[in-house]
PDB file of N, CA and C in Angstrom:
ATOM      1  N   MET A   1     -10.357  10.247   4.739  1.00  0.00           N
ATOM      2  CA  MET A   1     -10.869   9.055   5.375  1.00  0.00           C
ATOM      3  C   MET A   1     -12.217   8.663   4.778  1.00  0.00           C
ATOM      4  N   GLU A   2     -13.032   9.653   4.472  1.00  0.00           N
ATOM      5  CA  GLU A   2     -14.346   9.376   3.891  1.00  0.00           C
ATOM      6  C   GLU A   2     -14.212   8.679   2.538  1.00  0.00           C
ATOM      7  N   THR A   3     -13.258   9.131   1.728  1.00  0.00           N
ATOM      8  CA  THR A   3     -13.031   8.518   0.415  1.00  0.00           C
ATOM      9  C   THR A   3     -12.635   7.056   0.571  1.00  0.00           C
ATOM     10  N   ASN A   4     -11.718   6.766   1.499  1.00  0.00           N
ATOM     11  CA  ASN A   4     -11.297   5.380   1.729  1.00  0.00           C
ATOM     12  C   ASN A   4     -12.458   4.527   2.224  1.00  0.00           C
ATOM     13  N   THR A   5     -13.256   5.067   3.114  1.00  0.00           N
ATOM     14  CA  THR A   5     -14.412   4.327   3.635  1.00  0.00           C
ATOM     15  C   THR A   5     -15.388   3.997   2.518  1.00  0.00           C
ATOM     16  N   ASN A   6     -15.690   4.973   1.683  1.00  0.00           N
ATOM     17  CA  ASN A   6     -16.610   4.743   0.564  1.00  0.00           C
ATOM     18  C   ASN A   6     -16.043   3.734  -0.427  1.00  0.00           C
ATOM     19  N   PHE A   7     -14.750   3.817  -0.692  1.00  0.00           N
ATOM     20  CA  PHE A   7     -14.083   2.883  -1.594  1.00  0.00           C
ATOM     21  C   PHE A   7     -14.193   1.457  -1.058  1.00  0.00           C
ATOM     22  N   ALA A   8     -13.911   1.276   0.228  1.00  0.00           N
ATOM     23  CA  ALA A   8     -13.977  -0.046   0.848  1.00  0.00           C
ATOM     24  C   ALA A   8     -15.401  -0.602   0.801  1.00  0.00           C
ATOM     25  N   LYS A   9     -16.379   0.241   1.058  1.00  0.00           N
ATOM     26  CA  LYS A   9     -17.778  -0.205   1.009  1.00  0.00           C
ATOM     27  C   LYS A   9     -18.175  -0.579  -0.416  1.00  0.00           C
ATOM     28  N   LYS A  10     -17.767   0.223  -1.380  1.00  0.00           N
ATOM     29  CA  LYS A  10     -18.110  -0.029  -2.774  1.00  0.00           C
ATOM     30  C   LYS A  10     -17.596  -1.386  -3.237  1.00  0.00           C
ATOM     31  N   LEU A  11     -16.383  -1.743  -2.798  1.00  0.00           N
ATOM     32  CA  LEU A  11     -15.771  -3.010  -3.191  1.00  0.00           C
ATOM     33  C   LEU A  11     -16.072  -4.144  -2.211  1.00  0.00           C
ATOM     34  N   ASP A  12     -16.841  -3.840  -1.157  1.00  0.00           N
ATOM     35  CA  ASP A  12     -17.192  -4.831  -0.144  1.00  0.00           C
ATOM     36  C   ASP A  12     -15.941  -5.508   0.408  1.00  0.00           C
ATOM     37  N   LEU A  13     -14.940  -4.697   0.745  1.00  0.00           N
ATOM     38  CA  LEU A  13     -13.676  -5.221   1.258  1.00  0.00           C
ATOM     39  C   LEU A  13     -13.843  -5.722   2.685  1.00  0.00           C
ATOM     40  N   ASN A  14     -13.147  -6.778   3.008  1.00  0.00           N
ATOM     41  CA  ASN A  14     -13.215  -7.321   4.365  1.00  0.00           C
ATOM     42  C   ASN A  14     -11.932  -7.039   5.151  1.00  0.00           C
ATOM     43  N   TYR A  15     -11.242  -5.981   4.772  1.00  0.00           N
ATOM     44  CA  TYR A  15     -10.027  -5.582   5.471  1.00  0.00           C
ATOM     45  C   TYR A  15      -9.959  -4.056   5.509  1.00  0.00           C
ATOM     46  N   PRO A  16      -9.263  -3.504   6.476  1.00  0.00           N
ATOM     47  CA  PRO A  16      -9.190  -2.035   6.592  1.00  0.00           C
ATOM     48  C   PRO A  16      -8.253  -1.425   5.554  1.00  0.00           C
ATOM     49  N   ILE A  17      -8.522  -0.188   5.213  1.00  0.00           N
ATOM     50  CA  ILE A  17      -7.660   0.573   4.312  1.00  0.00           C
ATOM     51  C   ILE A  17      -7.020   1.688   5.143  1.00  0.00           C
ATOM     52  N   LEU A  18      -5.728   1.844   4.987  1.00  0.00           N
ATOM     53  CA  LEU A  18      -5.004   2.872   5.728  1.00  0.00           C
ATOM     54  C   LEU A  18      -5.494   4.260   5.349  1.00  0.00           C
ATOM     55  N   SER A  19      -5.745   5.055   6.345  1.00  0.00           N
ATOM     56  CA  SER A  19      -6.069   6.457   6.126  1.00  0.00           C
ATOM     57  C   SER A  19      -5.057   7.265   6.929  1.00  0.00           C
ATOM     58  N   ASP A  20      -4.361   8.147   6.261  1.00  0.00           N
ATOM     59  CA  ASP A  20      -3.258   8.888   6.876  1.00  0.00           C
ATOM     60  C   ASP A  20      -3.383  10.363   6.504  1.00  0.00           C
ATOM     61  N   PRO A  21      -4.444  11.043   6.974  1.00  0.00           N
ATOM     62  CA  PRO A  21      -4.719  12.411   6.517  1.00  0.00           C
ATOM     63  C   PRO A  21      -3.616  13.427   6.814  1.00  0.00           C
ATOM     64  N   GLU A  22      -2.819  13.201   7.833  1.00  0.00           N
ATOM     65  CA  GLU A  22      -1.743  14.127   8.166  1.00  0.00           C
ATOM     66  C   GLU A  22      -0.405  13.704   7.555  1.00  0.00           C
ATOM     67  N   GLY A  23      -0.366  12.542   6.913  1.00  0.00           N
ATOM     68  CA  GLY A  23       0.859  12.062   6.284  1.00  0.00           C
ATOM     69  C   GLY A  23       1.893  11.527   7.257  1.00  0.00           C
ATOM     70  N   VAL A  24       1.495  11.226   8.485  1.00  0.00           N
ATOM     71  CA  VAL A  24       2.436  10.760   9.503  1.00  0.00           C
ATOM     72  C   VAL A  24       3.075   9.431   9.099  1.00  0.00           C
ATOM     73  N   ALA A  25       2.257   8.442   8.731  1.00  0.00           N
ATOM     74  CA  ALA A  25       2.792   7.131   8.339  1.00  0.00           C
ATOM     75  C   ALA A  25       3.610   7.253   7.057  1.00  0.00           C
ATOM     76  N   ALA A  26       3.103   8.015   6.089  1.00  0.00           N
ATOM     77  CA  ALA A  26       3.813   8.186   4.819  1.00  0.00           C
ATOM     78  C   ALA A  26       5.196   8.803   5.044  1.00  0.00           C
ATOM     79  N   LYS A  27       5.271   9.773   5.928  1.00  0.00           N
ATOM     80  CA  LYS A  27       6.561  10.398   6.231  1.00  0.00           C
ATOM     81  C   LYS A  27       7.479   9.411   6.945  1.00  0.00           C
ATOM     82  N   ALA A  28       6.929   8.621   7.858  1.00  0.00           N
ATOM     83  CA  ALA A  28       7.736   7.648   8.603  1.00  0.00           C
ATOM     84  C   ALA A  28       8.309   6.581   7.677  1.00  0.00           C
ATOM     85  N   TYR A  29       7.548   6.200   6.657  1.00  0.00           N
ATOM     86  CA  TYR A  29       8.010   5.192   5.697  1.00  0.00           C
ATOM     87  C   TYR A  29       8.781   5.810   4.537  1.00  0.00           C
ATOM     88  N   GLY A  30       8.921   7.125   4.520  1.00  0.00           N
ATOM     89  CA  GLY A  30       9.705   7.797   3.489  1.00  0.00           C
ATOM     90  C   GLY A  30       9.049   7.833   2.120  1.00  0.00           C
ATOM     91  N   ILE A  31       7.716   7.833   2.087  1.00  0.00           N
ATOM     92  CA  ILE A  31       7.019   7.828   0.794  1.00  0.00           C
ATOM     93  C   ILE A  31       6.145   9.065   0.598  1.00  0.00           C
ATOM     94  N   TYR A  32       6.236  10.023   1.505  1.00  0.00           N
ATOM     95  CA  TYR A  32       5.442  11.238   1.383  1.00  0.00           C
ATOM     96  C   TYR A  32       5.997  12.109   0.261  1.00  0.00           C
ATOM     97  N   ASN A  33       5.132  12.536  -0.622  1.00  0.00           N
ATOM     98  CA  ASN A  33       5.530  13.391  -1.735  1.00  0.00           C
ATOM     99  C   ASN A  33       5.079  14.812  -1.417  1.00  0.00           C
ATOM    100  N   ALA A  34       5.999  15.636  -0.940  1.00  0.00           N
ATOM    101  CA  ALA A  34       5.660  16.982  -0.482  1.00  0.00           C
ATOM    102  C   ALA A  34       5.071  17.855  -1.589  1.00  0.00           C
ATOM    103  N   SER A  35       5.518  17.671  -2.819  1.00  0.00           N
ATOM    104  CA  SER A  35       5.008  18.507  -3.908  1.00  0.00           C
ATOM    105  C   SER A  35       3.543  18.185  -4.233  1.00  0.00           C
ATOM    106  N   ARG A  36       3.144  16.916  -4.010  1.00  0.00           N
ATOM    107  CA  ARG A  36       1.756  16.518  -4.271  1.00  0.00           C
ATOM    108  C   ARG A  36       0.922  16.520  -2.998  1.00  0.00           C
ATOM    109  N   LYS A  37       1.584  16.617  -1.856  1.00  0.00           N
ATOM    110  CA  LYS A  37       0.963  16.643  -0.532  1.00  0.00           C
ATOM    111  C   LYS A  37       0.215  15.357  -0.184  1.00  0.00           C
ATOM    112  N   PHE A  38       0.659  14.252  -0.728  1.00  0.00           N
ATOM    113  CA  PHE A  38       0.179  12.937  -0.329  1.00  0.00           C
ATOM    114  C   PHE A  38       1.210  11.911  -0.755  1.00  0.00           C
ATOM    115  N   PRO A  39       1.107  10.680  -0.255  1.00  0.00           N
ATOM    116  CA  PRO A  39       2.152   9.687  -0.532  1.00  0.00           C
ATOM    117  C   PRO A  39       2.131   9.172  -1.965  1.00  0.00           C
ATOM    118  N   ASN A  40       3.289   8.721  -2.397  1.00  0.00           N
ATOM    119  CA  ASN A  40       3.377   8.010  -3.666  1.00  0.00           C
ATOM    120  C   ASN A  40       2.743   6.636  -3.483  1.00  0.00           C
ATOM    121  N   ARG A  41       2.332   6.004  -4.577  1.00  0.00           N
ATOM    122  CA  ARG A  41       1.795   4.637  -4.501  1.00  0.00           C
ATOM    123  C   ARG A  41       2.970   3.680  -4.331  1.00  0.00           C
ATOM    124  N   VAL A  42       2.981   3.013  -3.195  1.00  0.00           N
ATOM    125  CA  VAL A  42       4.044   2.079  -2.852  1.00  0.00           C
ATOM    126  C   VAL A  42       3.401   0.895  -2.137  1.00  0.00           C
ATOM    127  N   THR A  43       3.903  -0.306  -2.384  1.00  0.00           N
ATOM    128  CA  THR A  43       3.421  -1.482  -1.667  1.00  0.00           C
ATOM    129  C   THR A  43       4.556  -2.057  -0.835  1.00  0.00           C
ATOM    130  N   PHE A  44       4.275  -2.249   0.436  1.00  0.00           N
ATOM    131  CA  PHE A  44       5.231  -2.864   1.348  1.00  0.00           C
ATOM    132  C   PHE A  44       4.793  -4.302   1.588  1.00  0.00           C
ATOM    133  N   PHE A  45       5.700  -5.235   1.402  1.00  0.00           N
ATOM    134  CA  PHE A  45       5.450  -6.641   1.691  1.00  0.00           C
ATOM    135  C   PHE A  45       6.088  -6.925   3.045  1.00  0.00           C
ATOM    136  N   ILE A  46       5.252  -7.293   4.002  1.00  0.00           N
ATOM    137  CA  ILE A  46       5.712  -7.512   5.370  1.00  0.00           C
ATOM    138  C   ILE A  46       5.785  -9.017   5.636  1.00  0.00           C
ATOM    139  N   SER A  47       6.916  -9.466   6.135  1.00  0.00           N
ATOM    140  CA  SER A  47       7.104 -10.887   6.416  1.00  0.00           C
ATOM    141  C   SER A  47       6.335 -11.303   7.678  1.00  0.00           C
ATOM    142  N   LYS A  48       6.255 -12.599   7.902  1.00  0.00           N
ATOM    143  CA  LYS A  48       5.550 -13.111   9.077  1.00  0.00           C
ATOM    144  C   LYS A  48       6.151 -12.609  10.378  1.00  0.00           C
ATOM    145  N   ASP A  49       7.451 -12.310  10.363  1.00  0.00           N
ATOM    146  CA  ASP A  49       8.095 -11.815  11.578  1.00  0.00           C
ATOM    147  C   ASP A  49       8.015 -10.290  11.712  1.00  0.00           C
ATOM    148  N   GLY A  50       7.229  -9.655  10.825  1.00  0.00           N
ATOM    149  CA  GLY A  50       6.982  -8.224  10.935  1.00  0.00           C
ATOM    150  C   GLY A  50       8.019  -7.332  10.286  1.00  0.00           C
ATOM    151  N   LYS A  51       8.938  -7.905   9.535  1.00  0.00           N
ATOM    152  CA  LYS A  51       9.973  -7.116   8.865  1.00  0.00           C
ATOM    153  C   LYS A  51       9.578  -6.861   7.415  1.00  0.00           C
ATOM    154  N   ILE A  52      10.046  -5.759   6.872  1.00  0.00           N
ATOM    155  CA  ILE A  52       9.768  -5.445   5.475  1.00  0.00           C
ATOM    156  C   ILE A  52      10.586  -6.380   4.592  1.00  0.00           C
ATOM    157  N   ALA A  53       9.877  -7.201   3.799  1.00  0.00           N
ATOM    158  CA  ALA A  53      10.524  -8.182   2.935  1.00  0.00           C
ATOM    159  C   ALA A  53      10.813  -7.604   1.553  1.00  0.00           C
ATOM    160  N   HIS A  54      10.009  -6.648   1.141  1.00  0.00           N
ATOM    161  CA  HIS A  54      10.176  -6.047  -0.186  1.00  0.00           C
ATOM    162  C   HIS A  54       9.374  -4.751  -0.242  1.00  0.00           C
ATOM    163  N   ILE A  55       9.875  -3.796  -0.991  1.00  0.00           N
ATOM    164  CA  ILE A  55       9.153  -2.556  -1.243  1.00  0.00           C
ATOM    165  C   ILE A  55       9.006  -2.405  -2.744  1.00  0.00           C
ATOM    166  N   GLU A  56       7.773  -2.326  -3.206  1.00  0.00           N
ATOM    167  CA  GLU A  56       7.505  -2.123  -4.632  1.00  0.00           C
ATOM    168  C   GLU A  56       7.168  -0.647  -4.838  1.00  0.00           C
ATOM    169  N   LYS A  57       8.096   0.064  -5.472  1.00  0.00           N
ATOM    170  CA  LYS A  57       7.933   1.502  -5.670  1.00  0.00           C
ATOM    171  C   LYS A  57       7.299   1.853  -7.003  1.00  0.00           C
ATOM    172  N   LYS A  58       7.259   0.897  -7.922  1.00  0.00           N
ATOM    173  CA  LYS A  58       6.652   1.136  -9.237  1.00  0.00           C
ATOM    174  C   LYS A  58       5.322   0.390  -9.297  1.00  0.00           C
ATOM    175  N   VAL A  59       4.276   1.022  -8.814  1.00  0.00           N
ATOM    176  CA  VAL A  59       2.958   0.403  -8.756  1.00  0.00           C
ATOM    177  C   VAL A  59       2.163   0.771 -10.001  1.00  0.00           C
ATOM    178  N   SER A  60       1.739  -0.240 -10.727  1.00  0.00           N
ATOM    179  CA  SER A  60       0.869  -0.057 -11.884  1.00  0.00           C
ATOM    180  C   SER A  60      -0.541  -0.456 -11.465  1.00  0.00           C
ATOM    181  N   VAL A  61      -1.454   0.490 -11.467  1.00  0.00           N
ATOM    182  CA  VAL A  61      -2.817   0.218 -11.023  1.00  0.00           C
ATOM    183  C   VAL A  61      -3.434  -0.921 -11.824  1.00  0.00           C
ATOM    184  N   ARG A  62      -3.164  -0.966 -13.099  1.00  0.00           N
ATOM    185  CA  ARG A  62      -3.761  -1.989 -13.975  1.00  0.00           C
ATOM    186  C   ARG A  62      -3.290  -3.406 -13.676  1.00  0.00           C
ATOM    187  N   SER A  63      -2.034  -3.574 -13.311  1.00  0.00           N
ATOM    188  CA  SER A  63      -1.503  -4.932 -13.120  1.00  0.00           C
ATOM    189  C   SER A  63      -1.148  -5.240 -11.671  1.00  0.00           C
ATOM    190  N   HIS A  64      -1.481  -4.358 -10.762  1.00  0.00           N
ATOM    191  CA  HIS A  64      -0.986  -4.489  -9.393  1.00  0.00           C
ATOM    192  C   HIS A  64      -1.417  -5.782  -8.704  1.00  0.00           C
ATOM    193  N   GLY A  65      -2.652  -6.210  -8.906  1.00  0.00           N
ATOM    194  CA  GLY A  65      -3.097  -7.461  -8.292  1.00  0.00           C
ATOM    195  C   GLY A  65      -2.226  -8.628  -8.711  1.00  0.00           C
ATOM    196  N   ASP A  66      -1.985  -8.745 -10.006  1.00  0.00           N
ATOM    197  CA  ASP A  66      -1.126  -9.813 -10.526  1.00  0.00           C
ATOM    198  C   ASP A  66       0.315  -9.648 -10.057  1.00  0.00           C
ATOM    199  N   ASP A  67       0.780  -8.400 -10.017  1.00  0.00           N
ATOM    200  CA  ASP A  67       2.150  -8.133  -9.569  1.00  0.00           C
ATOM    201  C   ASP A  67       2.340  -8.540  -8.113  1.00  0.00           C
ATOM    202  N   VAL A  68       1.348  -8.233  -7.273  1.00  0.00           N
ATOM    203  CA  VAL A  68       1.429  -8.588  -5.854  1.00  0.00           C
ATOM    204  C   VAL A  68       1.438 -10.110  -5.694  1.00  0.00           C
ATOM    205  N   LEU A  69       0.562 -10.782  -6.407  1.00  0.00           N
ATOM    206  CA  LEU A  69       0.522 -12.243  -6.326  1.00  0.00           C
ATOM    207  C   LEU A  69       1.861 -12.858  -6.728  1.00  0.00           C
ATOM    208  N   ALA A  70       2.431 -12.376  -7.820  1.00  0.00           N
ATOM    209  CA  ALA A  70       3.725 -12.897  -8.278  1.00  0.00           C
ATOM    210  C   ALA A  70       4.802 -12.659  -7.232  1.00  0.00           C
ATOM    211  N   LYS A  71       4.816 -11.500  -6.627  1.00  0.00           N
ATOM    212  CA  LYS A  71       5.830 -11.188  -5.605  1.00  0.00           C
ATOM    213  C   LYS A  71       5.637 -12.045  -4.374  1.00  0.00           C
ATOM    214  N   LEU A  72       4.378 -12.271  -3.968  1.00  0.00           N
ATOM    215  CA  LEU A  72       4.118 -13.119  -2.804  1.00  0.00           C
ATOM    216  C   LEU A  72       4.590 -14.554  -3.051  1.00  0.00           C
ATOM    217  N   ILE A  73       4.364 -15.042  -4.242  1.00  0.00           N
ATOM    218  CA  ILE A  73       4.845 -16.385  -4.595  1.00  0.00           C
ATOM    219  C   ILE A  73       6.369 -16.421  -4.546  1.00  0.00           C
ATOM    220  N   GLU A  74       7.003 -15.409  -5.121  1.00  0.00           N
ATOM    221  CA  GLU A  74       8.470 -15.329  -5.108  1.00  0.00           C
ATOM    222  C   GLU A  74       9.007 -15.282  -3.678  1.00  0.00           C
ATOM    223  N   LEU A  75       8.396 -14.474  -2.841  1.00  0.00           N
ATOM    224  CA  LEU A  75       8.876 -14.324  -1.462  1.00  0.00           C
ATOM    225  C   LEU A  75       8.630 -15.557  -0.605  1.00  0.00           C
ATOM    226  N   SER A  76       7.672 -16.379  -0.995  1.00  0.00           N
ATOM    227  CA  SER A  76       7.364 -17.565  -0.195  1.00  0.00           C
ATOM    228  C   SER A  76       8.299 -18.738  -0.458  1.00  0.00           C
ATOM    229  N   LYS A  77       9.176 -18.610  -1.447  1.00  0.00           N
ATOM    230  CA  LYS A  77      10.104 -19.699  -1.799  1.00  0.00           C
ATOM    231  C   LYS A  77      11.296 -19.729  -0.864  1.00  0.00           C
TER     232      LYS A  77
END
């Protein structure tokens, strides 16, 4: 949690970052990696009605911002 808090402060983010130290949410969403003892990098796109519209399992840190924007545009059509 401390790492996430420091990261958010460093980037001056205006939104919360999920902290899941026990892996409860990661296990519930099926993304917990037991061999690494933390979740895989996955992005869930949630629709306005609260349903999962898309799951991106191949997250590239370098292009993720652009990838998310492209997916949001695609999903909004």
